[in-house]
Amino acid sequence: HQSHQGAPMRRDEAKVRAALASGIGTWRSPQPFSRAVRTYAAVDSAFERILTPDKANATFAAGQNIQLKDYDPDYPALLIGNFMLGGGFLNSRMAVRLRQKEGISYGVGTGLQVQALDRFGQWLTQAILNPTNVDRLSTAYREEIDKVLKDGFTDAEIEAAKSGYVTGRSQARANDPELVGLLITRRFAGRTMAYDAKLEKDIMALTPAQVNAAVRKYLDPKKTVIVQAGDFKQPKPVP
């Protein structure tokens, strides 16, 4: 932030510490801390449709558990695979197919959530749509997954994704709240920002073969749970 004169605002460390001491003092939680441990469990594919009457929008969600830590060798490759599949928002495979090309989703994205301390992760997809489009979206989603598993991502696609993803991480660190949150996360896992430097170096060194092999290793429709929630009743006939 900057003052109205344009000069950077200076943070007074002593005043901040005094305010914290006044507001929190010597308070300590009476409940002892215990870290929640996440344990991987293999889950077979499943499908559930939840009816939510009178809701204008529907939600499509798909996910699978993966046995991975965020310092495993496959992790950088999976990050880029997820970025191309649906993590890159408008330029991802899912967004181009479901939102831009066919217009059957208002917003779609994928996420890769992997732990630092436990070998447990999840690969997730979520989309918002008109309930009448749910079957079209489900078909298109599966077709895009099958296409990636069969043909892989192109060399040019992967090179662009590597640069775009690393640039995005750098830009995020320029935001103070993002940086503070990242520092807290790293400290909790006993790390420094050296972890991030190595991760980004590993990402830029990835080959297309490594990326496609990792995606095929972990992305498995036979272990994916799909949930659709919305008002899926047949529309009333026009009088």
Protein backbone atom coordinates (compact mmCIF):
# COMPACT_ATOMS: atom_id res chain seq x y z
CA HIS A 1 0.00 0.00 0.00
CA GLN A 2 1.04 3.63 -0.44
CA SER A 3 0.01 6.85 1.31
CA HIS A 4 -1.79 9.62 -0.59
CA GLN A 5 1.57 11.34 -1.08
CA GLY A 6 2.81 8.25 -2.92
CA ALA A 7 5.53 7.40 -0.39
CA PRO A 8 5.50 3.80 0.88
CA MET A 9 3.82 3.44 4.26
CA ARG A 10 6.25 2.33 6.96
CA ARG A 11 5.28 -0.41 9.33
CA ASP A 12 6.33 0.25 12.92
CA GLU A 13 7.38 -3.12 14.31
CA ALA A 14 7.31 -1.91 17.93
CA LYS A 15 3.74 -0.65 17.60
CA VAL A 16 2.62 -3.89 15.97
CA ARG A 17 4.19 -5.96 18.74
CA ALA A 18 2.63 -3.75 21.40
CA ALA A 19 -0.80 -4.09 19.81
CA LEU A 20 -0.46 -7.87 19.68
CA ALA A 21 0.67 -8.00 23.30
CA SER A 22 -2.28 -5.84 24.36
CA GLY A 23 -4.83 -7.81 22.38
CA ILE A 24 -3.57 -11.31 23.06
CA GLY A 25 -1.27 -10.96 26.04
CA THR A 26 -0.22 -14.23 27.59
CA TRP A 27 -3.31 -16.15 26.47
CA ARG A 28 -2.72 -19.77 25.64
CA SER A 29 -5.25 -22.23 24.29
CA PRO A 30 -6.29 -24.78 26.91
CA GLN A 31 -6.57 -27.40 24.17
CA PRO A 32 -3.22 -29.03 23.28
CA PHE A 33 -2.34 -28.89 19.61
CA SER A 34 -2.49 -32.08 17.58
CA ARG A 35 -1.94 -32.10 13.82
CA ALA A 36 -4.66 -33.68 11.74
CA VAL A 37 -3.03 -36.57 9.89
CA ARG A 38 -4.37 -37.39 6.44
CA THR A 39 -4.27 -41.03 5.41
CA TYR A 40 -4.57 -42.25 1.83
CA ALA A 41 -7.32 -44.72 1.05
CA ALA A 42 -8.04 -46.19 -2.37
CA VAL A 43 -11.59 -45.48 -3.49
CA ASP A 44 -13.38 -47.10 -6.41
CA SER A 45 -15.35 -45.03 -8.88
CA ALA A 46 -18.82 -43.98 -7.76
CA PHE A 47 -21.65 -41.76 -8.90
CA GLU A 48 -24.26 -39.81 -6.95
CA ARG A 49 -26.93 -37.37 -8.08
CA ILE A 50 -28.30 -35.00 -5.42
CA LEU A 51 -31.57 -33.19 -6.10
CA THR A 52 -31.69 -29.53 -5.05
CA PRO A 53 -35.16 -28.31 -6.08
CA ASP A 54 -35.65 -24.76 -7.34
CA LYS A 55 -31.91 -23.99 -7.56
CA ALA A 56 -31.07 -22.14 -10.77
CA ASN A 57 -27.56 -23.59 -11.10
CA ALA A 58 -26.20 -27.09 -10.75
CA THR A 59 -22.78 -28.29 -9.61
CA PHE A 60 -20.65 -31.05 -11.09
CA ALA A 61 -17.80 -32.38 -8.96
CA ALA A 62 -15.33 -35.18 -9.63
CA GLY A 63 -12.41 -36.30 -7.53
CA GLN A 64 -10.00 -39.07 -6.72
CA ASN A 65 -7.48 -39.76 -3.99
CA ILE A 66 -3.83 -40.02 -4.96
CA GLN A 67 -0.93 -41.36 -2.93
CA LEU A 68 1.60 -38.54 -3.17
CA LYS A 69 3.56 -35.99 -1.13
CA ASP A 70 4.54 -32.59 -2.43
CA TYR A 71 8.24 -33.42 -2.54
CA ASP A 72 7.84 -36.69 -4.44
CA PRO A 73 9.51 -36.77 -7.89
CA ASP A 74 6.16 -36.93 -9.73
CA TYR A 75 4.72 -33.86 -8.03
CA PRO A 76 6.13 -31.14 -10.37
CA ALA A 77 4.90 -33.05 -13.42
CA LEU A 78 1.42 -33.46 -11.93
CA LEU A 79 1.26 -29.74 -11.14
CA ILE A 80 1.80 -28.93 -14.81
CA GLY A 81 -0.59 -31.67 -15.92
CA ASN A 82 -3.32 -30.25 -13.70
CA PHE A 83 -2.56 -26.71 -14.88
CA MET A 84 -3.15 -27.73 -18.50
CA LEU A 85 -6.18 -29.87 -17.76
CA GLY A 86 -8.14 -27.33 -15.74
CA GLY A 87 -5.98 -25.29 -13.39
CA GLY A 88 -5.10 -22.66 -15.97
CA PHE A 89 -8.66 -21.31 -15.99
CA LEU A 90 -9.52 -19.93 -19.46
CA ASN A 91 -6.63 -21.60 -21.29
CA SER A 92 -7.07 -25.09 -19.87
CA ARG A 93 -8.44 -28.10 -21.74
CA MET A 94 -11.61 -28.22 -19.64
CA ALA A 95 -12.31 -24.49 -19.89
CA VAL A 96 -11.78 -24.39 -23.66
CA ARG A 97 -14.08 -27.38 -24.23
CA LEU A 98 -16.82 -26.83 -21.63
CA ARG A 99 -16.99 -23.04 -21.40
CA GLN A 100 -15.59 -21.47 -24.52
CA LYS A 101 -16.32 -24.03 -27.23
CA GLU A 102 -19.60 -25.61 -26.13
CA GLY A 103 -20.89 -23.09 -23.59
CA ILE A 104 -22.21 -25.74 -21.21
CA SER A 105 -20.47 -24.48 -18.06
CA TYR A 106 -20.35 -21.04 -16.46
CA GLY A 107 -17.08 -21.92 -14.81
CA VAL A 108 -14.94 -25.05 -14.62
CA GLY A 109 -11.60 -25.86 -13.07
CA THR A 110 -9.43 -28.61 -11.68
CA GLY A 111 -7.29 -28.63 -8.58
CA LEU A 112 -4.40 -30.72 -7.28
CA GLN A 113 -4.19 -30.79 -3.50
CA VAL A 114 -1.16 -32.60 -2.10
CA GLN A 115 0.13 -32.59 1.46
CA ALA A 116 3.62 -31.79 2.71
CA LEU A 117 3.66 -34.08 5.74
CA ASP A 118 1.38 -36.93 4.69
CA ARG A 119 1.41 -39.03 1.53
CA PHE A 120 -2.12 -38.08 0.59
CA GLY A 121 -3.56 -35.94 -2.17
CA GLN A 122 -6.66 -35.33 -4.24
CA TRP A 123 -7.25 -34.44 -7.87
CA LEU A 124 -10.53 -32.53 -8.18
CA THR A 125 -12.74 -31.07 -10.89
CA GLN A 126 -15.66 -28.72 -10.31
CA ALA A 127 -18.05 -26.99 -12.70
CA ILE A 128 -21.12 -24.77 -12.40
CA LEU A 129 -23.79 -25.26 -15.05
CA ASN A 130 -27.42 -25.07 -16.05
CA PRO A 131 -29.09 -28.28 -14.79
CA THR A 132 -30.33 -29.08 -18.29
CA ASN A 133 -26.71 -29.41 -19.47
CA VAL A 134 -25.58 -31.95 -16.89
CA ASP A 135 -25.47 -34.97 -19.21
CA ARG A 136 -23.65 -33.05 -21.96
CA LEU A 137 -21.10 -31.79 -19.46
CA SER A 138 -20.51 -35.21 -17.95
CA THR A 139 -19.87 -36.67 -21.40
CA ALA A 140 -17.54 -33.86 -22.41
CA TYR A 141 -15.62 -34.12 -19.11
CA ARG A 142 -14.96 -37.82 -19.64
CA GLU A 143 -13.99 -37.30 -23.27
CA GLU A 144 -11.36 -34.72 -22.25
CA ILE A 145 -9.95 -37.07 -19.61
CA ASP A 146 -9.78 -39.94 -22.09
CA LYS A 147 -8.12 -37.73 -24.69
CA VAL A 148 -5.39 -36.69 -22.26
CA LEU A 149 -4.76 -40.28 -21.18
CA LYS A 150 -4.66 -41.55 -24.76
CA ASP A 151 -2.83 -38.77 -26.63
CA GLY A 152 -1.16 -36.77 -23.85
CA PHE A 153 -0.40 -33.07 -23.94
CA THR A 154 1.62 -31.63 -26.82
CA ASP A 155 5.23 -30.50 -26.43
CA ALA A 156 4.28 -26.88 -27.20
CA GLU A 157 1.40 -27.02 -24.71
CA ILE A 158 3.69 -28.26 -21.96
CA GLU A 159 6.43 -25.68 -22.60
CA ALA A 160 3.90 -22.84 -22.48
CA ALA A 161 2.34 -24.24 -19.33
CA LYS A 162 5.67 -24.49 -17.53
CA SER A 163 6.50 -20.83 -18.15
CA GLY A 164 2.97 -19.67 -17.38
CA TYR A 165 2.74 -21.59 -14.15
CA VAL A 166 6.10 -20.44 -12.79
CA THR A 167 5.35 -16.83 -13.76
CA GLY A 168 2.03 -17.05 -11.93
CA ARG A 169 3.76 -18.25 -8.78
CA SER A 170 6.18 -15.33 -8.94
CA GLN A 171 3.35 -12.85 -9.39
CA ALA A 172 1.45 -14.34 -6.45
CA ARG A 173 4.48 -13.84 -4.18
CA ALA A 174 4.44 -10.13 -5.05
CA ASN A 175 1.14 -9.90 -3.13
CA ASP A 176 1.75 -9.44 0.61
CA PRO A 177 -1.13 -11.61 1.92
CA GLU A 178 -0.20 -14.40 -0.52
CA LEU A 179 3.42 -14.26 0.57
CA VAL A 180 2.60 -14.27 4.28
CA GLY A 181 0.31 -17.26 3.83
CA LEU A 182 3.02 -19.09 1.90
CA LEU A 183 5.63 -18.37 4.58
CA ILE A 184 3.29 -19.72 7.26
CA THR A 185 2.66 -22.86 5.23
CA ARG A 186 6.37 -23.43 4.68
CA ARG A 187 7.20 -22.86 8.34
CA PHE A 188 4.54 -25.34 9.46
CA ALA A 189 6.22 -27.98 7.30
CA GLY A 190 9.70 -27.02 8.55
CA ARG A 191 10.74 -25.50 5.24
CA THR A 192 12.07 -22.27 3.82
CA MET A 193 11.47 -20.67 0.44
CA ALA A 194 14.32 -22.82 -0.84
CA TYR A 195 11.61 -25.44 -1.37
CA ASP A 196 9.85 -23.13 -3.83
CA ALA A 197 13.06 -22.31 -5.66
CA LYS A 198 13.79 -26.01 -6.15
CA LEU A 199 10.20 -26.79 -7.17
CA GLU A 200 10.20 -24.14 -9.87
CA LYS A 201 13.61 -25.27 -11.11
CA ASP A 202 12.30 -28.84 -11.32
CA ILE A 203 9.19 -27.66 -13.19
CA MET A 204 11.22 -25.82 -15.83
CA ALA A 205 13.40 -28.92 -16.33
CA LEU A 206 10.42 -31.23 -17.00
CA THR A 207 10.22 -33.07 -20.31
CA PRO A 208 6.92 -33.77 -22.10
CA ALA A 209 7.47 -37.48 -21.52
CA GLN A 210 7.71 -36.94 -17.75
CA VAL A 211 4.54 -34.86 -17.62
CA ASN A 212 2.45 -37.26 -19.70
CA ALA A 213 3.76 -40.30 -17.82
CA ALA A 214 2.86 -38.78 -14.43
CA VAL A 215 -0.64 -37.84 -15.57
CA ARG A 216 -1.27 -41.36 -16.86
CA LYS A 217 0.12 -42.82 -13.65
CA TYR A 218 -2.21 -40.95 -11.30
CA LEU A 219 -5.30 -39.81 -13.22
CA ASP A 220 -7.64 -42.81 -13.21
CA PRO A 221 -11.37 -42.71 -14.13
CA LYS A 222 -11.74 -46.07 -12.34
CA LYS A 223 -10.94 -44.30 -9.05
CA THR A 224 -13.00 -41.15 -9.65
CA VAL A 225 -16.08 -40.25 -7.63
CA ILE A 226 -18.57 -38.03 -9.47
CA VAL A 227 -21.32 -36.03 -7.78
CA GLN A 228 -23.98 -33.96 -9.54
CA ALA A 229 -26.17 -31.62 -7.51
CA GLY A 230 -29.00 -29.60 -9.00
CA ASP A 231 -32.65 -29.34 -9.95
CA PHE A 232 -32.67 -32.09 -12.55
CA LYS A 233 -36.44 -32.49 -12.96
CA GLN A 234 -37.79 -32.24 -16.48
CA PRO A 235 -38.68 -28.66 -17.43
CA LYS A 236 -42.39 -27.81 -17.45
CA PRO A 237 -43.96 -27.61 -20.92
CA VAL A 238 -44.60 -24.13 -22.26
CA PRO A 239 -48.37 -23.41 -22.08
